[in-house]
Amino acid sequence: MTGAPPPAAPARLSTLDRFLPVWIAAAMAAGLGLGSLVPGLDDALDRLRVGTVSLPIALGLLLMMYPVLARVRYEEMGHLGAERRLMGVSLLMNWLVGPLLMFALAWAFLADQPEYRTGLIIVGLARCIAMVLIWSDLACADREATALLVAINSVFQIVAYSVLGWFYLTGLPGWLGLDTQGFEVSMWEVARTVLIFLGIPLAAGYLTRRVGVRRRGAAWYEGEFLPRIGPLALYALLFTIVMLFALQGDAIASRPLDVVRIAVPLPSRSPPGW
């Protein structure tokens, strides 16, 4: 065969994509700076909430997921074949291996800090949605399979989260002779969170694709519309990081060693198979 070889992966990425780790580090620093230098900013941002939902964080997450979900070819999801076999592996990794690993790491690194330990276990039980979509899109993964797995794991999270929370904070520690912590969260609270952070961008992405393709055609939608909204996902990611670190700027700056101890086991939060 002749012809030029395909370009290396970095050459196909935009400047924003190629230097994403740099932009993320800058967004973290900007958030910390804002939270530490602007008096009362964290309290002001914290007041922008409806119930337990922070409006700045919700805005960032919704805008982060929308462009990715608008790329999904929903009409092809019913024809997924081999991908369906991933469902069992995904559920196994996310709801057995992942939480058990986080439980072990939480006790290994934070045995003397019950509040941090409990928080880490609770975070470990909540599967990622937004970041999984972002990383899958950057990796040029199968968007249809990713969207399907995200939806299935989200439904499973609604059903199993409260039960697993009790098991890893009360049941299992009690059987092992460790300190136990109470845990109460209703299925409706979990369902509401999933509906907001997955249901809204999923519905928006689906309707955008359906209406856009029907009115302007697939060529316009794929070739013109999607490239225009694509960068929005990463800009929203950076905005969300700034908001997260601005909200916790004082806490992070005043207890940096605690932050490091908590951060070490966090990579196990999203195991393969999600």
C-alpha atoms as a PDB file:
ATOM      1  CA  MET A   1       0.000   0.000   0.000  1.00  0.00           C
ATOM      2  CA  THR A   2       1.163   3.562  -0.681  1.00  0.00           C
ATOM      3  CA  GLY A   3       0.343   6.955   0.682  1.00  0.00           C
ATOM      4  CA  ALA A   4       1.269   8.974   3.700  1.00  0.00           C
ATOM      5  CA  PRO A   5       0.889   7.287   7.082  1.00  0.00           C
ATOM      6  CA  PRO A   6      -1.875   8.574   9.336  1.00  0.00           C
ATOM      7  CA  PRO A   7      -0.808  11.410  11.612  1.00  0.00           C
ATOM      8  CA  ALA A   8       0.195  10.598  15.155  1.00  0.00           C
ATOM      9  CA  ALA A   9      -2.568  10.948  17.701  1.00  0.00           C
ATOM     10  CA  PRO A  10      -1.271  14.227  19.221  1.00  0.00           C
ATOM     11  CA  ALA A  11      -1.223  15.820  15.756  1.00  0.00           C
ATOM     12  CA  ARG A  12      -4.955  15.134  15.355  1.00  0.00           C
ATOM     13  CA  LEU A  13      -5.812  16.841  18.625  1.00  0.00           C
ATOM     14  CA  SER A  14      -6.509  20.535  18.957  1.00  0.00           C
ATOM     15  CA  THR A  15      -4.252  22.745  21.052  1.00  0.00           C
ATOM     16  CA  LEU A  16      -6.861  22.689  23.791  1.00  0.00           C
ATOM     17  CA  ASP A  17      -6.904  18.882  23.814  1.00  0.00           C
ATOM     18  CA  ARG A  18      -3.142  18.366  23.569  1.00  0.00           C
ATOM     19  CA  PHE A  19      -2.343  20.579  26.530  1.00  0.00           C
ATOM     20  CA  LEU A  20      -5.373  19.596  28.615  1.00  0.00           C
ATOM     21  CA  PRO A  21      -3.255  18.570  31.669  1.00  0.00           C
ATOM     22  CA  VAL A  22      -1.686  22.052  31.636  1.00  0.00           C
ATOM     23  CA  TRP A  23      -5.083  23.766  31.441  1.00  0.00           C
ATOM     24  CA  ILE A  24      -6.436  21.565  34.246  1.00  0.00           C
ATOM     25  CA  ALA A  25      -3.482  22.442  36.479  1.00  0.00           C
ATOM     26  CA  ALA A  26      -4.002  26.119  35.664  1.00  0.00           C
ATOM     27  CA  ALA A  27      -7.729  25.846  36.438  1.00  0.00           C
ATOM     28  CA  MET A  28      -6.927  24.223  39.794  1.00  0.00           C
ATOM     29  CA  ALA A  29      -4.458  26.997  40.612  1.00  0.00           C
ATOM     30  CA  ALA A  30      -6.945  29.666  39.525  1.00  0.00           C
ATOM     31  CA  GLY A  31      -9.673  28.161  41.697  1.00  0.00           C
ATOM     32  CA  LEU A  32      -7.364  27.943  44.703  1.00  0.00           C
ATOM     33  CA  GLY A  33      -6.237  31.519  44.149  1.00  0.00           C
ATOM     34  CA  LEU A  34      -9.780  32.826  43.892  1.00  0.00           C
ATOM     35  CA  GLY A  35     -10.924  30.885  46.944  1.00  0.00           C
ATOM     36  CA  SER A  36      -7.964  32.039  49.039  1.00  0.00           C
ATOM     37  CA  LEU A  37      -7.668  35.651  47.874  1.00  0.00           C
ATOM     38  CA  VAL A  38     -11.283  36.742  47.455  1.00  0.00           C
ATOM     39  CA  PRO A  39     -12.893  37.015  50.897  1.00  0.00           C
ATOM     40  CA  GLY A  40     -16.272  35.334  51.142  1.00  0.00           C
ATOM     41  CA  LEU A  41     -16.204  33.908  47.611  1.00  0.00           C
ATOM     42  CA  ASP A  42     -16.603  30.332  48.810  1.00  0.00           C
ATOM     43  CA  ASP A  43     -19.613  31.273  50.937  1.00  0.00           C
ATOM     44  CA  ALA A  44     -21.159  33.241  48.076  1.00  0.00           C
ATOM     45  CA  LEU A  45     -20.752  30.331  45.668  1.00  0.00           C
ATOM     46  CA  ASP A  46     -22.045  27.893  48.260  1.00  0.00           C
ATOM     47  CA  ARG A  47     -25.252  29.909  48.587  1.00  0.00           C
ATOM     48  CA  LEU A  48     -25.946  29.441  44.871  1.00  0.00           C
ATOM     49  CA  ARG A  49     -27.681  26.126  45.281  1.00  0.00           C
ATOM     50  CA  VAL A  50     -31.072  24.508  45.059  1.00  0.00           C
ATOM     51  CA  GLY A  51     -31.361  21.920  47.816  1.00  0.00           C
ATOM     52  CA  THR A  52     -28.087  20.017  47.751  1.00  0.00           C
ATOM     53  CA  VAL A  53     -27.293  20.925  44.123  1.00  0.00           C
ATOM     54  CA  SER A  54     -24.666  23.630  43.584  1.00  0.00           C
ATOM     55  CA  LEU A  55     -25.801  25.713  40.613  1.00  0.00           C
ATOM     56  CA  PRO A  56     -22.286  26.679  39.377  1.00  0.00           C
ATOM     57  CA  ILE A  57     -21.134  23.047  39.511  1.00  0.00           C
ATOM     58  CA  ALA A  58     -24.368  21.829  37.913  1.00  0.00           C
ATOM     59  CA  LEU A  59     -24.002  24.345  35.080  1.00  0.00           C
ATOM     60  CA  GLY A  60     -20.440  23.266  34.398  1.00  0.00           C
ATOM     61  CA  LEU A  61     -21.257  19.551  34.438  1.00  0.00           C
ATOM     62  CA  LEU A  62     -24.306  19.906  32.193  1.00  0.00           C
ATOM     63  CA  LEU A  63     -22.394  21.976  29.638  1.00  0.00           C
ATOM     64  CA  MET A  64     -19.529  19.482  29.862  1.00  0.00           C
ATOM     65  CA  MET A  65     -21.691  16.500  28.948  1.00  0.00           C
ATOM     66  CA  TYR A  66     -24.004  18.056  26.372  1.00  0.00           C
ATOM     67  CA  PRO A  67     -21.571  18.256  23.391  1.00  0.00           C
ATOM     68  CA  VAL A  68     -20.407  14.674  23.968  1.00  0.00           C
ATOM     69  CA  LEU A  69     -23.952  13.311  24.164  1.00  0.00           C
ATOM     70  CA  ALA A  70     -24.930  15.315  21.080  1.00  0.00           C
ATOM     71  CA  ARG A  71     -22.317  13.273  19.162  1.00  0.00           C
ATOM     72  CA  VAL A  72     -23.869   9.909  20.053  1.00  0.00           C
ATOM     73  CA  ARG A  73     -25.632   8.181  17.165  1.00  0.00           C
ATOM     74  CA  TYR A  74     -28.668   7.114  19.149  1.00  0.00           C
ATOM     75  CA  GLU A  75     -30.177   5.377  16.138  1.00  0.00           C
ATOM     76  CA  GLU A  76     -27.319   2.864  16.255  1.00  0.00           C
ATOM     77  CA  MET A  77     -27.570   1.987  19.932  1.00  0.00           C
ATOM     78  CA  GLY A  78     -30.176  -0.691  19.301  1.00  0.00           C
ATOM     79  CA  HIS A  79     -27.737  -2.523  17.030  1.00  0.00           C
ATOM     80  CA  LEU A  80     -24.866  -2.844  19.499  1.00  0.00           C
ATOM     81  CA  GLY A  81     -23.661  -6.434  19.458  1.00  0.00           C
ATOM     82  CA  ALA A  82     -20.393  -7.350  21.145  1.00  0.00           C
ATOM     83  CA  GLU A  83     -20.654  -4.237  23.338  1.00  0.00           C
ATOM     84  CA  ARG A  84     -23.549  -5.795  25.213  1.00  0.00           C
ATOM     85  CA  ARG A  85     -21.166  -8.365  26.644  1.00  0.00           C
ATOM     86  CA  LEU A  86     -19.342  -5.515  28.353  1.00  0.00           C
ATOM     87  CA  MET A  87     -22.323  -4.812  30.575  1.00  0.00           C
ATOM     88  CA  GLY A  88     -21.635  -7.673  32.964  1.00  0.00           C
ATOM     89  CA  VAL A  89     -17.946  -6.765  33.201  1.00  0.00           C
ATOM     90  CA  SER A  90     -18.850  -3.116  33.744  1.00  0.00           C
ATOM     91  CA  LEU A  91     -21.265  -3.887  36.575  1.00  0.00           C
ATOM     92  CA  LEU A  92     -18.757  -6.248  38.174  1.00  0.00           C
ATOM     93  CA  MET A  93     -15.914  -3.718  38.099  1.00  0.00           C
ATOM     94  CA  ASN A  94     -18.010  -0.752  39.179  1.00  0.00           C
ATOM     95  CA  TRP A  95     -20.127  -2.276  41.897  1.00  0.00           C
ATOM     96  CA  LEU A  96     -17.964  -5.056  43.327  1.00  0.00           C
ATOM     97  CA  VAL A  97     -14.288  -4.430  42.582  1.00  0.00           C
ATOM     98  CA  GLY A  98     -14.372  -0.609  42.684  1.00  0.00           C
ATOM     99  CA  PRO A  99     -16.193  -0.096  46.011  1.00  0.00           C
ATOM    100  CA  LEU A 100     -14.270  -2.923  47.689  1.00  0.00           C
ATOM    101  CA  LEU A 101     -10.970  -1.421  46.546  1.00  0.00           C
ATOM    102  CA  MET A 102     -11.979   2.034  47.752  1.00  0.00           C
ATOM    103  CA  PHE A 103     -13.050   0.594  51.114  1.00  0.00           C
ATOM    104  CA  ALA A 104      -9.645  -1.062  51.518  1.00  0.00           C
ATOM    105  CA  LEU A 105      -7.727   2.065  50.491  1.00  0.00           C
ATOM    106  CA  ALA A 106      -9.832   4.315  52.722  1.00  0.00           C
ATOM    107  CA  TRP A 107      -8.999   2.190  55.746  1.00  0.00           C
ATOM    108  CA  ALA A 108      -5.350   1.856  54.704  1.00  0.00           C
ATOM    109  CA  PHE A 109      -4.763   5.604  54.305  1.00  0.00           C
ATOM    110  CA  LEU A 110      -7.353   7.182  56.598  1.00  0.00           C
ATOM    111  CA  ALA A 111      -7.893   4.722  59.462  1.00  0.00           C
ATOM    112  CA  ASP A 112      -7.393   7.527  61.989  1.00  0.00           C
ATOM    113  CA  GLN A 113      -9.665  10.006  60.199  1.00  0.00           C
ATOM    114  CA  PRO A 114     -13.258   8.684  60.342  1.00  0.00           C
ATOM    115  CA  GLU A 115     -14.828  11.708  58.627  1.00  0.00           C
ATOM    116  CA  TYR A 116     -12.403  11.654  55.692  1.00  0.00           C
ATOM    117  CA  ARG A 117     -12.622   7.870  55.509  1.00  0.00           C
ATOM    118  CA  THR A 118     -16.405   7.928  55.377  1.00  0.00           C
ATOM    119  CA  GLY A 119     -16.385  10.654  52.734  1.00  0.00           C
ATOM    120  CA  LEU A 120     -13.912   8.725  50.612  1.00  0.00           C
ATOM    121  CA  ILE A 121     -16.005   5.551  50.748  1.00  0.00           C
ATOM    122  CA  ILE A 122     -19.161   7.476  49.825  1.00  0.00           C
ATOM    123  CA  VAL A 123     -17.384   9.152  46.911  1.00  0.00           C
ATOM    124  CA  GLY A 124     -16.052   5.763  45.824  1.00  0.00           C
ATOM    125  CA  LEU A 125     -19.579   4.388  45.574  1.00  0.00           C
ATOM    126  CA  ALA A 126     -20.722   7.146  43.197  1.00  0.00           C
ATOM    127  CA  ARG A 127     -19.746   6.277  39.654  1.00  0.00           C
ATOM    128  CA  CYS A 128     -18.510   9.020  37.350  1.00  0.00           C
ATOM    129  CA  ILE A 129     -20.678  10.316  34.522  1.00  0.00           C
ATOM    130  CA  ALA A 130     -19.274  13.565  33.141  1.00  0.00           C
ATOM    131  CA  MET A 131     -15.578  12.702  33.235  1.00  0.00           C
ATOM    132  CA  VAL A 132     -16.139   9.267  31.733  1.00  0.00           C
ATOM    133  CA  LEU A 133     -17.848  10.881  28.755  1.00  0.00           C
ATOM    134  CA  ILE A 134     -15.055  13.445  28.375  1.00  0.00           C
ATOM    135  CA  TRP A 135     -12.186  10.930  28.510  1.00  0.00           C
ATOM    136  CA  SER A 136     -14.005   8.486  26.222  1.00  0.00           C
ATOM    137  CA  ASP A 137     -14.559  11.245  23.688  1.00  0.00           C
ATOM    138  CA  LEU A 138     -10.904  12.330  23.812  1.00  0.00           C
ATOM    139  CA  ALA A 139      -9.853   8.699  23.326  1.00  0.00           C
ATOM    140  CA  CYS A 140     -12.168   8.357  20.294  1.00  0.00           C
ATOM    141  CA  ALA A 141     -13.909   5.456  22.015  1.00  0.00           C
ATOM    142  CA  ASP A 142     -17.231   3.985  20.911  1.00  0.00           C
ATOM    143  CA  ARG A 143     -19.615   6.769  21.937  1.00  0.00           C
ATOM    144  CA  GLU A 144     -22.726   4.634  21.604  1.00  0.00           C
ATOM    145  CA  ALA A 145     -21.342   1.881  23.847  1.00  0.00           C
ATOM    146  CA  THR A 146     -20.098   4.486  26.339  1.00  0.00           C
ATOM    147  CA  ALA A 147     -23.503   6.184  26.531  1.00  0.00           C
ATOM    148  CA  LEU A 148     -25.214   2.827  27.013  1.00  0.00           C
ATOM    149  CA  LEU A 149     -22.852   1.760  29.796  1.00  0.00           C
ATOM    150  CA  VAL A 150     -23.192   5.132  31.521  1.00  0.00           C
ATOM    151  CA  ALA A 151     -26.992   4.850  31.422  1.00  0.00           C
ATOM    152  CA  ILE A 152     -26.993   1.262  32.746  1.00  0.00           C
ATOM    153  CA  ASN A 153     -24.583   2.050  35.577  1.00  0.00           C
ATOM    154  CA  SER A 154     -26.612   5.138  36.481  1.00  0.00           C
ATOM    155  CA  VAL A 155     -29.786   3.086  36.784  1.00  0.00           C
ATOM    156  CA  PHE A 156     -27.906   0.532  38.890  1.00  0.00           C
ATOM    157  CA  GLN A 157     -26.599   3.375  41.051  1.00  0.00           C
ATOM    158  CA  ILE A 158     -30.156   4.505  41.808  1.00  0.00           C
ATOM    159  CA  VAL A 159     -31.089   1.001  42.952  1.00  0.00           C
ATOM    160  CA  ALA A 160     -27.909  -0.027  44.782  1.00  0.00           C
ATOM    161  CA  TYR A 161     -26.281   3.126  46.194  1.00  0.00           C
ATOM    162  CA  SER A 162     -28.070   3.257  49.549  1.00  0.00           C
ATOM    163  CA  VAL A 163     -27.659  -0.495  50.113  1.00  0.00           C
ATOM    164  CA  LEU A 164     -23.948  -0.419  49.292  1.00  0.00           C
ATOM    165  CA  GLY A 165     -23.488   2.671  51.467  1.00  0.00           C
ATOM    166  CA  TRP A 166     -24.884   0.790  54.460  1.00  0.00           C
ATOM    167  CA  PHE A 167     -22.806  -2.295  53.625  1.00  0.00           C
ATOM    168  CA  TYR A 168     -19.431  -0.524  53.399  1.00  0.00           C
ATOM    169  CA  LEU A 169     -19.990   1.919  56.273  1.00  0.00           C
ATOM    170  CA  THR A 170     -21.941  -0.218  58.740  1.00  0.00           C
ATOM    171  CA  GLY A 171     -22.261  -3.870  57.759  1.00  0.00           C
ATOM    172  CA  LEU A 172     -18.776  -4.846  56.576  1.00  0.00           C
ATOM    173  CA  PRO A 173     -16.848  -2.774  59.176  1.00  0.00           C
ATOM    174  CA  GLY A 174     -18.990  -4.326  61.908  1.00  0.00           C
ATOM    175  CA  TRP A 175     -18.220  -7.854  60.700  1.00  0.00           C
ATOM    176  CA  LEU A 176     -14.504  -7.021  60.606  1.00  0.00           C
ATOM    177  CA  GLY A 177     -14.488  -5.455  64.068  1.00  0.00           C
ATOM    178  CA  LEU A 178     -13.835  -1.935  62.727  1.00  0.00           C
ATOM    179  CA  ASP A 179     -15.518   1.338  63.588  1.00  0.00           C
ATOM    180  CA  THR A 180     -18.924   1.719  61.962  1.00  0.00           C
ATOM    181  CA  GLN A 181     -20.634   4.831  60.622  1.00  0.00           C
ATOM    182  CA  GLY A 182     -24.321   5.403  59.967  1.00  0.00           C
ATOM    183  CA  PHE A 183     -25.477   6.005  56.412  1.00  0.00           C
ATOM    184  CA  GLU A 184     -28.899   7.075  55.245  1.00  0.00           C
ATOM    185  CA  VAL A 185     -29.736   8.274  51.760  1.00  0.00           C
ATOM    186  CA  SER A 186     -33.031   7.722  50.010  1.00  0.00           C
ATOM    187  CA  MET A 187     -33.357   6.171  46.587  1.00  0.00           C
ATOM    188  CA  TRP A 188     -35.163   9.336  45.485  1.00  0.00           C
ATOM    189  CA  GLU A 189     -32.183  11.553  46.394  1.00  0.00           C
ATOM    190  CA  VAL A 190     -29.892   9.413  44.250  1.00  0.00           C
ATOM    191  CA  ALA A 191     -32.467   9.249  41.443  1.00  0.00           C
ATOM    192  CA  ARG A 192     -32.896  13.028  41.485  1.00  0.00           C
ATOM    193  CA  THR A 193     -29.147  13.567  41.173  1.00  0.00           C
ATOM    194  CA  VAL A 194     -28.863  11.088  38.306  1.00  0.00           C
ATOM    195  CA  LEU A 195     -31.865  12.586  36.531  1.00  0.00           C
ATOM    196  CA  ILE A 196     -30.363  16.067  36.762  1.00  0.00           C
ATOM    197  CA  PHE A 197     -26.782  15.276  35.811  1.00  0.00           C
ATOM    198  CA  LEU A 198     -27.471  12.571  33.223  1.00  0.00           C
ATOM    199  CA  GLY A 199     -31.106  12.978  32.224  1.00  0.00           C
ATOM    200  CA  ILE A 200     -30.935  16.659  31.240  1.00  0.00           C
ATOM    201  CA  PRO A 201     -27.813  16.509  29.008  1.00  0.00           C
ATOM    202  CA  LEU A 202     -28.875  13.134  27.593  1.00  0.00           C
ATOM    203  CA  ALA A 203     -32.285  14.485  26.589  1.00  0.00           C
ATOM    204  CA  ALA A 204     -30.690  17.663  25.207  1.00  0.00           C
ATOM    205  CA  GLY A 205     -28.130  15.692  23.196  1.00  0.00           C
ATOM    206  CA  TYR A 206     -30.738  13.301  21.822  1.00  0.00           C
ATOM    207  CA  LEU A 207     -33.174  16.072  20.828  1.00  0.00           C
ATOM    208  CA  THR A 208     -30.403  18.183  19.316  1.00  0.00           C
ATOM    209  CA  ARG A 209     -29.274  15.314  17.108  1.00  0.00           C
ATOM    210  CA  ARG A 210     -32.781  14.285  16.129  1.00  0.00           C
ATOM    211  CA  VAL A 211     -33.902  17.801  15.228  1.00  0.00           C
ATOM    212  CA  GLY A 212     -30.598  18.843  13.664  1.00  0.00           C
ATOM    213  CA  VAL A 213     -30.285  15.804  11.402  1.00  0.00           C
ATOM    214  CA  ARG A 214     -33.947  15.957  10.393  1.00  0.00           C
ATOM    215  CA  ARG A 215     -33.891  19.652   9.494  1.00  0.00           C
ATOM    216  CA  ARG A 216     -30.390  20.201   8.129  1.00  0.00           C
ATOM    217  CA  GLY A 217     -29.136  16.714   7.313  1.00  0.00           C
ATOM    218  CA  ALA A 218     -26.447  14.451   8.763  1.00  0.00           C
ATOM    219  CA  ALA A 219     -23.636  16.068   6.737  1.00  0.00           C
ATOM    220  CA  TRP A 220     -24.320  19.528   8.190  1.00  0.00           C
ATOM    221  CA  TYR A 221     -24.827  18.164  11.684  1.00  0.00           C
ATOM    222  CA  GLU A 222     -21.629  16.093  11.713  1.00  0.00           C
ATOM    223  CA  GLY A 223     -19.478  18.458   9.672  1.00  0.00           C
ATOM    224  CA  GLU A 224     -20.532  21.896  10.877  1.00  0.00           C
ATOM    225  CA  PHE A 225     -22.634  21.844  14.032  1.00  0.00           C
ATOM    226  CA  LEU A 226     -20.691  19.340  16.134  1.00  0.00           C
ATOM    227  CA  PRO A 227     -17.274  20.981  15.535  1.00  0.00           C
ATOM    228  CA  ARG A 228     -18.766  24.289  16.703  1.00  0.00           C
ATOM    229  CA  ILE A 229     -20.036  22.973  20.031  1.00  0.00           C
ATOM    230  CA  GLY A 230     -17.217  20.458  20.616  1.00  0.00           C
ATOM    231  CA  PRO A 231     -14.828  22.803  22.508  1.00  0.00           C
ATOM    232  CA  LEU A 232     -17.651  23.702  24.909  1.00  0.00           C
ATOM    233  CA  ALA A 233     -17.142  20.403  26.755  1.00  0.00           C
ATOM    234  CA  LEU A 234     -13.539  21.144  27.713  1.00  0.00           C
ATOM    235  CA  TYR A 235     -14.217  24.804  28.493  1.00  0.00           C
ATOM    236  CA  ALA A 236     -17.003  23.640  30.806  1.00  0.00           C
ATOM    237  CA  LEU A 237     -14.612  21.113  32.369  1.00  0.00           C
ATOM    238  CA  LEU A 238     -12.128  23.878  33.192  1.00  0.00           C
ATOM    239  CA  PHE A 239     -14.900  26.126  34.525  1.00  0.00           C
ATOM    240  CA  THR A 240     -16.116  23.309  36.785  1.00  0.00           C
ATOM    241  CA  ILE A 241     -12.607  22.716  38.131  1.00  0.00           C
ATOM    242  CA  VAL A 242     -12.209  26.426  38.901  1.00  0.00           C
ATOM    243  CA  MET A 243     -15.543  26.435  40.756  1.00  0.00           C
ATOM    244  CA  LEU A 244     -14.726  23.265  42.714  1.00  0.00           C
ATOM    245  CA  PHE A 245     -11.375  24.571  43.901  1.00  0.00           C
ATOM    246  CA  ALA A 246     -12.742  28.062  44.592  1.00  0.00           C
ATOM    247  CA  LEU A 247     -15.406  26.515  46.842  1.00  0.00           C
ATOM    248  CA  GLN A 248     -12.741  24.607  48.788  1.00  0.00           C
ATOM    249  CA  GLY A 249      -9.843  27.046  48.481  1.00  0.00           C
ATOM    250  CA  ASP A 250      -9.563  27.864  52.191  1.00  0.00           C
ATOM    251  CA  ALA A 251      -9.905  24.221  53.268  1.00  0.00           C
ATOM    252  CA  ILE A 252      -7.281  23.023  50.787  1.00  0.00           C
ATOM    253  CA  ALA A 253      -4.809  25.795  51.621  1.00  0.00           C
ATOM    254  CA  SER A 254      -5.178  25.299  55.376  1.00  0.00           C
ATOM    255  CA  ARG A 255      -4.886  21.474  55.339  1.00  0.00           C
ATOM    256  CA  PRO A 256      -2.659  20.505  52.402  1.00  0.00           C
ATOM    257  CA  LEU A 257      -1.389  17.273  53.975  1.00  0.00           C
ATOM    258  CA  ASP A 258      -4.954  16.060  54.519  1.00  0.00           C
ATOM    259  CA  VAL A 259      -5.664  16.786  50.871  1.00  0.00           C
ATOM    260  CA  VAL A 260      -2.693  14.681  49.801  1.00  0.00           C
ATOM    261  CA  ARG A 261      -3.780  11.768  51.994  1.00  0.00           C
ATOM    262  CA  ILE A 262      -7.278  11.869  50.523  1.00  0.00           C
ATOM    263  CA  ALA A 263      -6.037  12.281  46.946  1.00  0.00           C
ATOM    264  CA  VAL A 264      -3.779   9.203  46.952  1.00  0.00           C
ATOM    265  CA  PRO A 265      -6.562   6.567  46.844  1.00  0.00           C
ATOM    266  CA  LEU A 266      -8.906   8.559  44.585  1.00  0.00           C
ATOM    267  CA  PRO A 267      -7.679   7.103  41.235  1.00  0.00           C
ATOM    268  CA  SER A 268      -9.464   3.867  42.179  1.00  0.00           C
ATOM    269  CA  ARG A 269     -12.793   5.709  42.073  1.00  0.00           C
ATOM    270  CA  SER A 270     -13.439   4.981  38.395  1.00  0.00           C
ATOM    271  CA  PRO A 271     -12.184   1.476  37.618  1.00  0.00           C
ATOM    272  CA  PRO A 272     -12.071   0.103  34.074  1.00  0.00           C
ATOM    273  CA  GLY A 273     -15.357  -1.082  32.678  1.00  0.00           C
ATOM    274  CA  TRP A 274     -17.416   2.020  33.366  1.00  0.00           C
END
